[in-house]
Amino acid sequence: MRAKEFIVEDNQWQLLDSSQDKSHWGEELIKLVQTAYKNADLGSFINSLNDVKRSDWLVLDWDDCNHPDCAIFYRQNRPEETWVGHKIQGVGHDGLPESKRKVIDRVREQLAKDGWWIESSASGPSVGKYSGAPAVTDIKLITQLFPNSGVQMLNQAGKYQRDLPNGTTIEEIIYGNPKLNR
């Protein structure tokens, strides 16, 4: 799909997976993600075109303007990872209530599919929680998703902590349907 073609189909979610499309819409996508995460503790981790290019994007233009109004970015597993499928990394929106609703609805649809999941911060409101998707509470599954990361369950609702490769400890909850690579 060419970058300009997806905008023609207003109110239809479109996949941006080519480098050309990501380059064309990169600045718009960065703004959407920064708007969505402006109040998050760690802020946005999509701050450059290189950040945009690392993921695939589902985008939606639902209004009369010729630019994306909301987006979901995700990736597939890497060779060294123990899971298969699609891990949603985050969302973006223009701040309008309608855009927020549309992105949450689409996340809900994606998380209902086998192999789609999101790891959300346990420290505040999250798109995973708002989507209504089930939280993963199986410590064995979580440990298999993140081997050698010191996973510790913190409560019965699926909140856990784990260590990142850089030494940072995070508290997260998984929503959706992750699948292990067997």
N, C-alpha and C. Protein backbone atom coordinates (compact mmCIF):
# COMPACT_ATOMS: atom_id res chain seq x y z
N MET A 1 0.84 -1.17 0.00
CA MET A 1 0.00 0.00 0.00
C MET A 1 0.89 1.24 0.00
N ARG A 2 0.56 2.20 -0.75
CA ARG A 2 1.28 3.46 -0.80
C ARG A 2 0.79 4.37 0.33
N ALA A 3 1.67 5.20 0.83
CA ALA A 3 1.37 6.05 1.97
C ALA A 3 0.11 6.87 1.78
N LYS A 4 -0.11 7.41 0.62
CA LYS A 4 -1.26 8.29 0.41
C LYS A 4 -2.56 7.52 0.23
N GLU A 5 -2.48 6.25 -0.09
CA GLU A 5 -3.69 5.48 -0.35
C GLU A 5 -4.52 5.23 0.90
N PHE A 6 -3.88 5.01 2.05
CA PHE A 6 -4.67 4.65 3.22
C PHE A 6 -5.54 5.81 3.68
N ILE A 7 -5.11 7.02 3.47
CA ILE A 7 -5.88 8.19 3.88
C ILE A 7 -7.17 8.31 3.06
N VAL A 8 -7.15 7.81 1.85
CA VAL A 8 -8.34 7.88 0.99
C VAL A 8 -9.49 7.10 1.62
N GLU A 9 -9.18 6.01 2.32
CA GLU A 9 -10.21 5.18 2.91
C GLU A 9 -10.47 5.64 4.34
N ASP A 10 -11.17 6.75 4.49
CA ASP A 10 -11.49 7.26 5.81
C ASP A 10 -12.29 6.24 6.60
N ASN A 11 -12.08 6.24 7.90
CA ASN A 11 -12.80 5.39 8.85
C ASN A 11 -12.54 3.90 8.66
N GLN A 12 -11.40 3.56 8.06
CA GLN A 12 -10.97 2.16 7.92
C GLN A 12 -9.58 2.04 8.51
N TRP A 13 -9.40 1.09 9.43
CA TRP A 13 -8.06 0.84 9.94
C TRP A 13 -7.20 0.30 8.82
N GLN A 14 -5.99 0.82 8.71
CA GLN A 14 -5.07 0.43 7.65
C GLN A 14 -3.73 0.03 8.27
N LEU A 15 -3.09 -0.93 7.64
CA LEU A 15 -1.78 -1.39 8.09
C LEU A 15 -0.69 -0.58 7.41
N LEU A 16 0.21 -0.03 8.21
CA LEU A 16 1.43 0.60 7.69
C LEU A 16 2.58 -0.32 8.07
N ASP A 17 3.12 -1.01 7.08
CA ASP A 17 4.24 -1.88 7.40
C ASP A 17 5.45 -1.66 6.49
N SER A 18 5.29 -0.84 5.47
CA SER A 18 6.44 -0.57 4.58
C SER A 18 7.26 0.60 5.13
N SER A 19 8.55 0.57 4.86
CA SER A 19 9.43 1.68 5.27
C SER A 19 8.99 2.99 4.65
N GLN A 20 8.51 2.93 3.40
CA GLN A 20 8.05 4.14 2.72
C GLN A 20 6.87 4.78 3.46
N ASP A 21 5.89 3.95 3.83
CA ASP A 21 4.73 4.48 4.55
C ASP A 21 5.12 5.02 5.92
N LYS A 22 5.98 4.28 6.62
CA LYS A 22 6.41 4.73 7.94
C LYS A 22 7.20 6.03 7.85
N SER A 23 8.03 6.16 6.84
CA SER A 23 8.79 7.41 6.65
C SER A 23 7.85 8.57 6.35
N HIS A 24 6.88 8.33 5.48
CA HIS A 24 5.95 9.39 5.09
C HIS A 24 5.13 9.89 6.29
N TRP A 25 4.65 8.97 7.13
CA TRP A 25 3.77 9.33 8.23
C TRP A 25 4.48 9.38 9.57
N GLY A 26 5.78 9.21 9.59
CA GLY A 26 6.54 9.10 10.84
C GLY A 26 6.31 10.23 11.83
N GLU A 27 6.41 11.46 11.38
CA GLU A 27 6.23 12.60 12.29
C GLU A 27 4.83 12.63 12.88
N GLU A 28 3.83 12.30 12.07
CA GLU A 28 2.44 12.24 12.56
C GLU A 28 2.29 11.16 13.62
N LEU A 29 2.89 9.99 13.37
CA LEU A 29 2.79 8.88 14.32
C LEU A 29 3.49 9.22 15.63
N ILE A 30 4.65 9.86 15.55
CA ILE A 30 5.36 10.29 16.76
C ILE A 30 4.47 11.22 17.59
N LYS A 31 3.83 12.18 16.95
CA LYS A 31 2.95 13.12 17.67
C LYS A 31 1.79 12.39 18.34
N LEU A 32 1.19 11.41 17.64
CA LEU A 32 0.07 10.66 18.22
C LEU A 32 0.50 9.91 19.47
N VAL A 33 1.65 9.25 19.41
CA VAL A 33 2.13 8.48 20.56
C VAL A 33 2.52 9.42 21.70
N GLN A 34 3.18 10.51 21.39
CA GLN A 34 3.56 11.46 22.44
C GLN A 34 2.33 12.06 23.12
N THR A 35 1.27 12.29 22.36
CA THR A 35 0.03 12.78 22.95
C THR A 35 -0.56 11.73 23.89
N ALA A 36 -0.59 10.49 23.46
CA ALA A 36 -1.18 9.42 24.27
C ALA A 36 -0.40 9.18 25.56
N TYR A 37 0.91 9.36 25.54
CA TYR A 37 1.75 9.05 26.70
C TYR A 37 2.27 10.29 27.42
N LYS A 38 1.67 11.44 27.17
CA LYS A 38 2.20 12.67 27.77
C LYS A 38 2.14 12.67 29.29
N ASN A 39 1.22 11.92 29.89
CA ASN A 39 1.13 11.88 31.35
C ASN A 39 1.71 10.60 31.95
N ALA A 40 2.29 9.75 31.13
CA ALA A 40 2.87 8.50 31.62
C ALA A 40 4.19 8.78 32.33
N ASP A 41 4.49 7.98 33.34
CA ASP A 41 5.72 8.17 34.12
C ASP A 41 6.96 8.21 33.23
N LEU A 42 7.05 7.28 32.29
CA LEU A 42 8.24 7.20 31.44
C LEU A 42 8.08 7.95 30.12
N GLY A 43 6.90 8.51 29.88
CA GLY A 43 6.66 9.22 28.63
C GLY A 43 6.61 8.29 27.44
N SER A 44 6.82 8.84 26.27
CA SER A 44 6.76 8.08 25.03
C SER A 44 8.12 7.51 24.70
N PHE A 45 8.14 6.28 24.19
CA PHE A 45 9.40 5.75 23.71
C PHE A 45 9.43 5.72 22.18
N ILE A 46 8.49 6.40 21.55
CA ILE A 46 8.50 6.62 20.10
C ILE A 46 8.81 8.10 19.90
N ASN A 47 10.09 8.38 19.65
CA ASN A 47 10.54 9.77 19.56
C ASN A 47 11.30 10.10 18.29
N SER A 48 11.51 9.09 17.44
CA SER A 48 12.27 9.32 16.21
C SER A 48 11.72 8.41 15.11
N LEU A 49 12.10 8.72 13.89
CA LEU A 49 11.69 7.90 12.75
C LEU A 49 12.22 6.47 12.89
N ASN A 50 13.41 6.30 13.45
CA ASN A 50 13.93 4.95 13.69
C ASN A 50 13.04 4.17 14.64
N ASP A 51 12.50 4.84 15.67
CA ASP A 51 11.56 4.19 16.59
C ASP A 51 10.30 3.74 15.85
N VAL A 52 9.82 4.58 14.95
CA VAL A 52 8.61 4.27 14.17
C VAL A 52 8.86 3.04 13.30
N LYS A 53 10.01 3.00 12.67
CA LYS A 53 10.30 1.93 11.70
C LYS A 53 10.44 0.56 12.34
N ARG A 54 10.67 0.49 13.64
CA ARG A 54 10.87 -0.81 14.31
C ARG A 54 9.57 -1.59 14.49
N SER A 55 8.44 -0.94 14.29
CA SER A 55 7.14 -1.58 14.55
C SER A 55 6.28 -1.54 13.30
N ASP A 56 5.24 -2.35 13.32
CA ASP A 56 4.17 -2.23 12.34
C ASP A 56 3.06 -1.42 13.00
N TRP A 57 2.26 -0.75 12.16
CA TRP A 57 1.28 0.19 12.67
C TRP A 57 -0.09 -0.05 12.05
N LEU A 58 -1.12 -0.05 12.88
CA LEU A 58 -2.50 0.03 12.42
C LEU A 58 -2.91 1.47 12.67
N VAL A 59 -3.39 2.15 11.64
CA VAL A 59 -3.73 3.57 11.76
C VAL A 59 -5.15 3.82 11.27
N LEU A 60 -5.74 4.86 11.81
CA LEU A 60 -7.11 5.21 11.44
C LEU A 60 -7.22 6.72 11.26
N ASP A 61 -7.82 7.12 10.15
CA ASP A 61 -8.22 8.50 9.90
C ASP A 61 -9.74 8.51 9.91
N TRP A 62 -10.35 8.97 10.99
CA TRP A 62 -11.80 8.90 11.11
C TRP A 62 -12.50 10.24 10.87
N ASP A 63 -11.74 11.33 10.80
CA ASP A 63 -12.40 12.63 10.63
C ASP A 63 -12.11 13.21 9.24
N ASP A 64 -12.41 14.48 9.04
CA ASP A 64 -12.26 15.11 7.73
C ASP A 64 -10.84 15.57 7.42
N CYS A 65 -9.94 15.51 8.39
CA CYS A 65 -8.56 15.91 8.15
C CYS A 65 -7.81 14.76 7.46
N ASN A 66 -6.83 15.09 6.68
CA ASN A 66 -6.08 14.08 5.93
C ASN A 66 -4.83 13.62 6.68
N HIS A 67 -5.03 13.06 7.87
CA HIS A 67 -3.92 12.52 8.64
C HIS A 67 -4.46 11.51 9.63
N PRO A 68 -3.62 10.62 10.12
CA PRO A 68 -4.08 9.62 11.10
C PRO A 68 -4.53 10.29 12.39
N ASP A 69 -5.60 9.76 12.96
CA ASP A 69 -6.12 10.27 14.22
C ASP A 69 -5.78 9.36 15.39
N CYS A 70 -5.55 8.09 15.10
CA CYS A 70 -5.16 7.15 16.14
C CYS A 70 -4.39 5.99 15.52
N ALA A 71 -3.64 5.31 16.39
CA ALA A 71 -2.76 4.25 15.90
C ALA A 71 -2.48 3.23 17.00
N ILE A 72 -2.16 2.03 16.57
CA ILE A 72 -1.67 0.97 17.45
C ILE A 72 -0.36 0.49 16.83
N PHE A 73 0.68 0.39 17.62
CA PHE A 73 1.93 -0.14 17.07
C PHE A 73 2.28 -1.43 17.80
N TYR A 74 2.83 -2.36 17.04
CA TYR A 74 3.10 -3.70 17.56
C TYR A 74 4.27 -4.31 16.82
N ARG A 75 4.72 -5.45 17.33
CA ARG A 75 5.79 -6.17 16.66
C ARG A 75 5.56 -7.67 16.81
N GLN A 76 6.23 -8.42 15.96
CA GLN A 76 6.23 -9.86 16.06
C GLN A 76 7.44 -10.28 16.89
N ASN A 77 7.46 -11.55 17.25
CA ASN A 77 8.57 -12.04 18.07
C ASN A 77 9.90 -11.98 17.32
N ARG A 78 10.95 -11.84 18.09
CA ARG A 78 12.31 -11.89 17.57
C ARG A 78 12.83 -13.32 17.73
N PRO A 79 13.84 -13.70 16.97
CA PRO A 79 14.31 -15.09 17.01
C PRO A 79 14.65 -15.62 18.41
N GLU A 80 15.18 -14.79 19.27
CA GLU A 80 15.59 -15.26 20.60
C GLU A 80 14.44 -15.29 21.61
N GLU A 81 13.28 -14.83 21.25
CA GLU A 81 12.15 -14.77 22.19
C GLU A 81 11.37 -16.08 22.22
N THR A 82 10.70 -16.31 23.33
CA THR A 82 10.02 -17.57 23.57
C THR A 82 8.56 -17.58 23.12
N TRP A 83 8.10 -16.49 22.61
CA TRP A 83 6.69 -16.37 22.22
C TRP A 83 6.57 -16.17 20.72
N VAL A 84 5.35 -16.40 20.22
CA VAL A 84 5.03 -16.13 18.82
C VAL A 84 3.76 -15.29 18.79
N GLY A 85 3.57 -14.57 17.73
CA GLY A 85 2.37 -13.75 17.62
C GLY A 85 2.70 -12.29 17.49
N HIS A 86 1.89 -11.46 18.15
CA HIS A 86 2.00 -10.01 18.04
C HIS A 86 1.89 -9.38 19.42
N LYS A 87 2.94 -8.65 19.80
CA LYS A 87 2.94 -7.92 21.06
C LYS A 87 2.67 -6.46 20.77
N ILE A 88 1.53 -5.98 21.26
CA ILE A 88 1.22 -4.56 21.12
C ILE A 88 2.16 -3.79 22.02
N GLN A 89 2.85 -2.82 21.43
CA GLN A 89 3.81 -2.03 22.19
C GLN A 89 3.20 -0.74 22.72
N GLY A 90 2.15 -0.26 22.07
CA GLY A 90 1.52 0.96 22.54
C GLY A 90 0.51 1.49 21.55
N VAL A 91 0.01 2.67 21.87
CA VAL A 91 -1.01 3.31 21.06
C VAL A 91 -0.66 4.78 20.88
N GLY A 92 -1.36 5.40 19.97
CA GLY A 92 -1.26 6.84 19.78
C GLY A 92 -2.63 7.38 19.43
N HIS A 93 -2.87 8.63 19.79
CA HIS A 93 -4.12 9.29 19.42
C HIS A 93 -3.92 10.80 19.49
N ASP A 94 -4.86 11.51 18.89
CA ASP A 94 -4.75 12.96 18.84
C ASP A 94 -5.32 13.67 20.07
N GLY A 95 -5.74 12.90 21.06
CA GLY A 95 -6.26 13.49 22.30
C GLY A 95 -7.76 13.64 22.34
N LEU A 96 -8.43 13.49 21.20
CA LEU A 96 -9.89 13.62 21.18
C LEU A 96 -10.54 12.38 21.78
N PRO A 97 -11.64 12.55 22.52
CA PRO A 97 -12.32 11.40 23.13
C PRO A 97 -12.70 10.32 22.10
N GLU A 98 -13.14 10.71 20.93
CA GLU A 98 -13.51 9.75 19.90
C GLU A 98 -12.31 8.92 19.44
N SER A 99 -11.17 9.55 19.32
CA SER A 99 -9.95 8.83 18.94
C SER A 99 -9.55 7.85 20.03
N LYS A 100 -9.64 8.27 21.27
CA LYS A 100 -9.31 7.38 22.39
C LYS A 100 -10.23 6.16 22.39
N ARG A 101 -11.52 6.40 22.18
CA ARG A 101 -12.49 5.31 22.16
C ARG A 101 -12.19 4.34 21.02
N LYS A 102 -11.91 4.89 19.85
CA LYS A 102 -11.64 4.04 18.68
C LYS A 102 -10.38 3.20 18.87
N VAL A 103 -9.34 3.76 19.48
CA VAL A 103 -8.11 2.99 19.68
C VAL A 103 -8.33 1.90 20.72
N ILE A 104 -9.08 2.19 21.79
CA ILE A 104 -9.36 1.17 22.80
C ILE A 104 -10.21 0.05 22.19
N ASP A 105 -11.20 0.41 21.38
CA ASP A 105 -12.03 -0.61 20.72
C ASP A 105 -11.19 -1.51 19.83
N ARG A 106 -10.24 -0.93 19.10
CA ARG A 106 -9.41 -1.74 18.21
C ARG A 106 -8.43 -2.62 19.01
N VAL A 107 -7.89 -2.09 20.10
CA VAL A 107 -7.02 -2.90 20.95
C VAL A 107 -7.83 -4.09 21.48
N ARG A 108 -9.08 -3.84 21.91
CA ARG A 108 -9.94 -4.93 22.40
C ARG A 108 -10.10 -6.00 21.32
N GLU A 109 -10.34 -5.59 20.08
CA GLU A 109 -10.48 -6.55 18.98
C GLU A 109 -9.20 -7.35 18.78
N GLN A 110 -8.06 -6.68 18.79
CA GLN A 110 -6.80 -7.37 18.57
C GLN A 110 -6.48 -8.34 19.71
N LEU A 111 -6.70 -7.91 20.95
CA LEU A 111 -6.37 -8.75 22.10
C LEU A 111 -7.28 -9.97 22.21
N ALA A 112 -8.41 -9.96 21.55
CA ALA A 112 -9.30 -11.13 21.55
C ALA A 112 -8.76 -12.24 20.64
N LYS A 113 -7.82 -11.89 19.77
CA LYS A 113 -7.25 -12.86 18.83
C LYS A 113 -6.13 -13.66 19.48
N ASP A 114 -6.02 -14.90 19.08
CA ASP A 114 -4.98 -15.78 19.57
C ASP A 114 -3.60 -15.22 19.18
N GLY A 115 -2.70 -15.13 20.15
CA GLY A 115 -1.34 -14.66 19.88
C GLY A 115 -1.15 -13.16 19.99
N TRP A 116 -2.19 -12.39 20.24
CA TRP A 116 -2.07 -10.94 20.42
C TRP A 116 -2.09 -10.63 21.91
N TRP A 117 -1.15 -9.80 22.35
CA TRP A 117 -1.07 -9.45 23.76
C TRP A 117 -0.37 -8.12 23.96
N ILE A 118 -0.51 -7.58 25.17
CA ILE A 118 0.13 -6.33 25.53
C ILE A 118 0.63 -6.44 26.96
N GLU A 119 1.80 -5.91 27.20
CA GLU A 119 2.36 -5.80 28.55
C GLU A 119 2.17 -4.35 28.95
N SER A 120 1.31 -4.12 29.95
CA SER A 120 0.98 -2.76 30.36
C SER A 120 1.54 -2.43 31.72
N SER A 121 1.87 -1.19 31.90
CA SER A 121 2.38 -0.73 33.19
C SER A 121 1.33 -0.96 34.26
N ALA A 122 1.77 -1.49 35.39
CA ALA A 122 0.86 -1.72 36.50
C ALA A 122 0.71 -0.47 37.37
N SER A 123 1.42 0.60 37.04
CA SER A 123 1.45 1.78 37.91
C SER A 123 0.32 2.76 37.64
N GLY A 124 -0.51 2.52 36.66
CA GLY A 124 -1.59 3.46 36.40
C GLY A 124 -2.54 2.94 35.36
N PRO A 125 -3.39 3.82 34.84
CA PRO A 125 -4.34 3.40 33.82
C PRO A 125 -3.61 2.86 32.58
N SER A 126 -4.17 1.83 31.98
CA SER A 126 -3.51 1.26 30.81
C SER A 126 -4.53 0.88 29.75
N VAL A 127 -4.09 0.90 28.51
CA VAL A 127 -4.96 0.52 27.41
C VAL A 127 -5.38 -0.94 27.55
N GLY A 128 -4.51 -1.79 28.08
CA GLY A 128 -4.86 -3.19 28.29
C GLY A 128 -6.03 -3.33 29.25
N LYS A 129 -5.96 -2.63 30.35
CA LYS A 129 -7.02 -2.66 31.36
C LYS A 129 -8.33 -2.12 30.78
N TYR A 130 -8.26 -1.00 30.09
CA TYR A 130 -9.46 -0.39 29.53
C TYR A 130 -10.07 -1.22 28.41
N SER A 131 -9.28 -2.06 27.78
CA SER A 131 -9.80 -2.86 26.67
C SER A 131 -10.74 -3.95 27.14
N GLY A 132 -10.69 -4.30 28.42
CA GLY A 132 -11.53 -5.37 28.93
C GLY A 132 -10.96 -6.75 28.66
N ALA A 133 -9.77 -6.82 28.09
CA ALA A 133 -9.13 -8.11 27.83
C ALA A 133 -8.75 -8.77 29.15
N PRO A 134 -8.68 -10.09 29.18
CA PRO A 134 -8.31 -10.75 30.42
C PRO A 134 -6.84 -10.52 30.77
N ALA A 135 -6.59 -10.37 32.06
CA ALA A 135 -5.21 -10.29 32.54
C ALA A 135 -4.66 -11.70 32.64
N VAL A 136 -3.40 -11.86 32.30
CA VAL A 136 -2.74 -13.15 32.43
C VAL A 136 -2.25 -13.26 33.87
N THR A 137 -2.69 -14.32 34.56
CA THR A 137 -2.33 -14.50 35.97
C THR A 137 -1.49 -15.75 36.20
N ASP A 138 -1.16 -16.47 35.16
CA ASP A 138 -0.39 -17.71 35.25
C ASP A 138 1.10 -17.38 35.33
N ILE A 139 1.68 -17.53 36.52
CA ILE A 139 3.09 -17.21 36.74
C ILE A 139 3.99 -18.06 35.85
N LYS A 140 3.61 -19.30 35.61
CA LYS A 140 4.43 -20.16 34.75
C LYS A 140 4.51 -19.59 33.34
N LEU A 141 3.38 -19.16 32.79
CA LEU A 141 3.36 -18.57 31.45
C LEU A 141 4.19 -17.28 31.42
N ILE A 142 3.99 -16.42 32.40
CA ILE A 142 4.73 -15.15 32.43
C ILE A 142 6.23 -15.41 32.51
N THR A 143 6.63 -16.37 33.34
CA THR A 143 8.04 -16.71 33.47
C THR A 143 8.60 -17.26 32.16
N GLN A 144 7.79 -18.04 31.43
CA GLN A 144 8.23 -18.56 30.14
C GLN A 144 8.30 -17.46 29.08
N LEU A 145 7.44 -16.46 29.17
CA LEU A 145 7.50 -15.33 28.24
C LEU A 145 8.78 -14.52 28.45
N PHE A 146 9.21 -14.40 29.69
CA PHE A 146 10.37 -13.58 30.05
C PHE A 146 11.36 -14.39 30.88
N PRO A 147 11.98 -15.41 30.28
CA PRO A 147 12.93 -16.23 31.04
C PRO A 147 14.14 -15.40 31.46
N ASN A 148 14.73 -15.79 32.56
CA ASN A 148 15.94 -15.14 33.08
C ASN A 148 15.75 -13.66 33.40
N SER A 149 14.52 -13.29 33.76
CA SER A 149 14.27 -11.89 34.09
C SER A 149 13.78 -11.70 35.52
N GLY A 150 13.87 -12.75 36.33
CA GLY A 150 13.51 -12.62 37.75
C GLY A 150 12.04 -12.32 37.98
N VAL A 151 11.14 -12.90 37.20
CA VAL A 151 9.71 -12.62 37.35
C VAL A 151 9.24 -13.01 38.75
N GLN A 152 8.50 -12.10 39.38
CA GLN A 152 7.87 -12.35 40.69
C GLN A 152 6.45 -11.84 40.64
N MET A 153 5.49 -12.70 40.95
CA MET A 153 4.09 -12.27 41.02
C MET A 153 3.91 -11.39 42.25
N LEU A 154 3.16 -10.31 42.09
CA LEU A 154 2.93 -9.39 43.20
C LEU A 154 1.51 -9.48 43.74
N ASN A 155 0.57 -9.97 42.91
CA ASN A 155 -0.80 -10.14 43.39
C ASN A 155 -1.56 -11.14 42.51
N GLN A 156 -2.75 -11.45 42.93
CA GLN A 156 -3.59 -12.43 42.22
C GLN A 156 -4.17 -11.88 40.93
N ALA A 157 -4.14 -10.56 40.74
CA ALA A 157 -4.73 -9.93 39.56
C ALA A 157 -3.79 -9.91 38.36
N GLY A 158 -2.60 -10.51 38.49
CA GLY A 158 -1.67 -10.58 37.37
C GLY A 158 -0.53 -9.59 37.42
N LYS A 159 -0.46 -8.78 38.44
CA LYS A 159 0.64 -7.81 38.56
C LYS A 159 1.92 -8.55 38.93
N TYR A 160 2.99 -8.29 38.19
CA TYR A 160 4.28 -8.92 38.44
C TYR A 160 5.38 -7.90 38.26
N GLN A 161 6.55 -8.26 38.70
CA GLN A 161 7.72 -7.43 38.43
C GLN A 161 8.75 -8.30 37.75
N ARG A 162 9.56 -7.66 36.93
CA ARG A 162 10.65 -8.37 36.26
C ARG A 162 11.77 -7.37 35.99
N ASP A 163 12.95 -7.93 35.77
CA ASP A 163 14.13 -7.12 35.49
C ASP A 163 14.33 -7.02 33.98
N LEU A 164 14.60 -5.82 33.51
CA LEU A 164 14.95 -5.61 32.11
C LEU A 164 16.45 -5.84 31.94
N PRO A 165 16.89 -6.09 30.71
CA PRO A 165 18.33 -6.31 30.48
C PRO A 165 19.22 -5.17 30.96
N ASN A 166 18.68 -3.93 31.01
CA ASN A 166 19.49 -2.79 31.45
C ASN A 166 19.55 -2.66 32.97
N GLY A 167 18.92 -3.62 33.69
CA GLY A 167 18.95 -3.60 35.15
C GLY A 167 17.76 -2.95 35.81
N THR A 168 16.91 -2.28 35.06
CA THR A 168 15.71 -1.65 35.59
C THR A 168 14.68 -2.71 35.95
N THR A 169 14.02 -2.53 37.07
CA THR A 169 12.92 -3.41 37.46
C THR A 169 11.61 -2.71 37.16
N ILE A 170 10.71 -3.43 36.49
CA ILE A 170 9.42 -2.86 36.12
C ILE A 170 8.29 -3.69 36.72
N GLU A 171 7.14 -3.05 36.91
CA GLU A 171 5.93 -3.73 37.35
C GLU A 171 4.93 -3.64 36.21
N GLU A 172 4.41 -4.80 35.79
CA GLU A 172 3.57 -4.88 34.61
C GLU A 172 2.40 -5.84 34.83
N ILE A 173 1.46 -5.81 33.91
CA ILE A 173 0.37 -6.77 33.80
C ILE A 173 0.24 -7.10 32.32
N ILE A 174 0.08 -8.37 32.00
CA ILE A 174 -0.14 -8.78 30.61
C ILE A 174 -1.63 -8.96 30.39
N TYR A 175 -2.12 -8.44 29.27
CA TYR A 175 -3.51 -8.64 28.85
C TYR A 175 -3.51 -9.31 27.49
N GLY A 176 -4.51 -10.12 27.25
CA GLY A 176 -4.66 -10.74 25.94
C GLY A 176 -4.34 -12.21 25.95
N ASN A 177 -3.82 -12.70 24.83
CA ASN A 177 -3.63 -14.12 24.60
C ASN A 177 -2.25 -14.45 24.07
N PRO A 178 -1.21 -14.29 24.90
CA PRO A 178 0.14 -14.62 24.41
C PRO A 178 0.26 -16.12 24.14
N LYS A 179 1.08 -16.44 23.17
CA LYS A 179 1.33 -17.85 22.83
C LYS A 179 2.84 -18.11 22.89
N LEU A 180 3.16 -19.24 23.48
CA LEU A 180 4.56 -19.64 23.56
C LEU A 180 4.98 -20.33 22.27
N ASN A 181 6.23 -20.16 21.93
CA ASN A 181 6.82 -20.83 20.78
C ASN A 181 7.20 -22.24 21.23
N ARG A 182 6.46 -23.22 20.81
CA ARG A 182 6.70 -24.59 21.28
C ARG A 182 7.48 -25.35 20.25
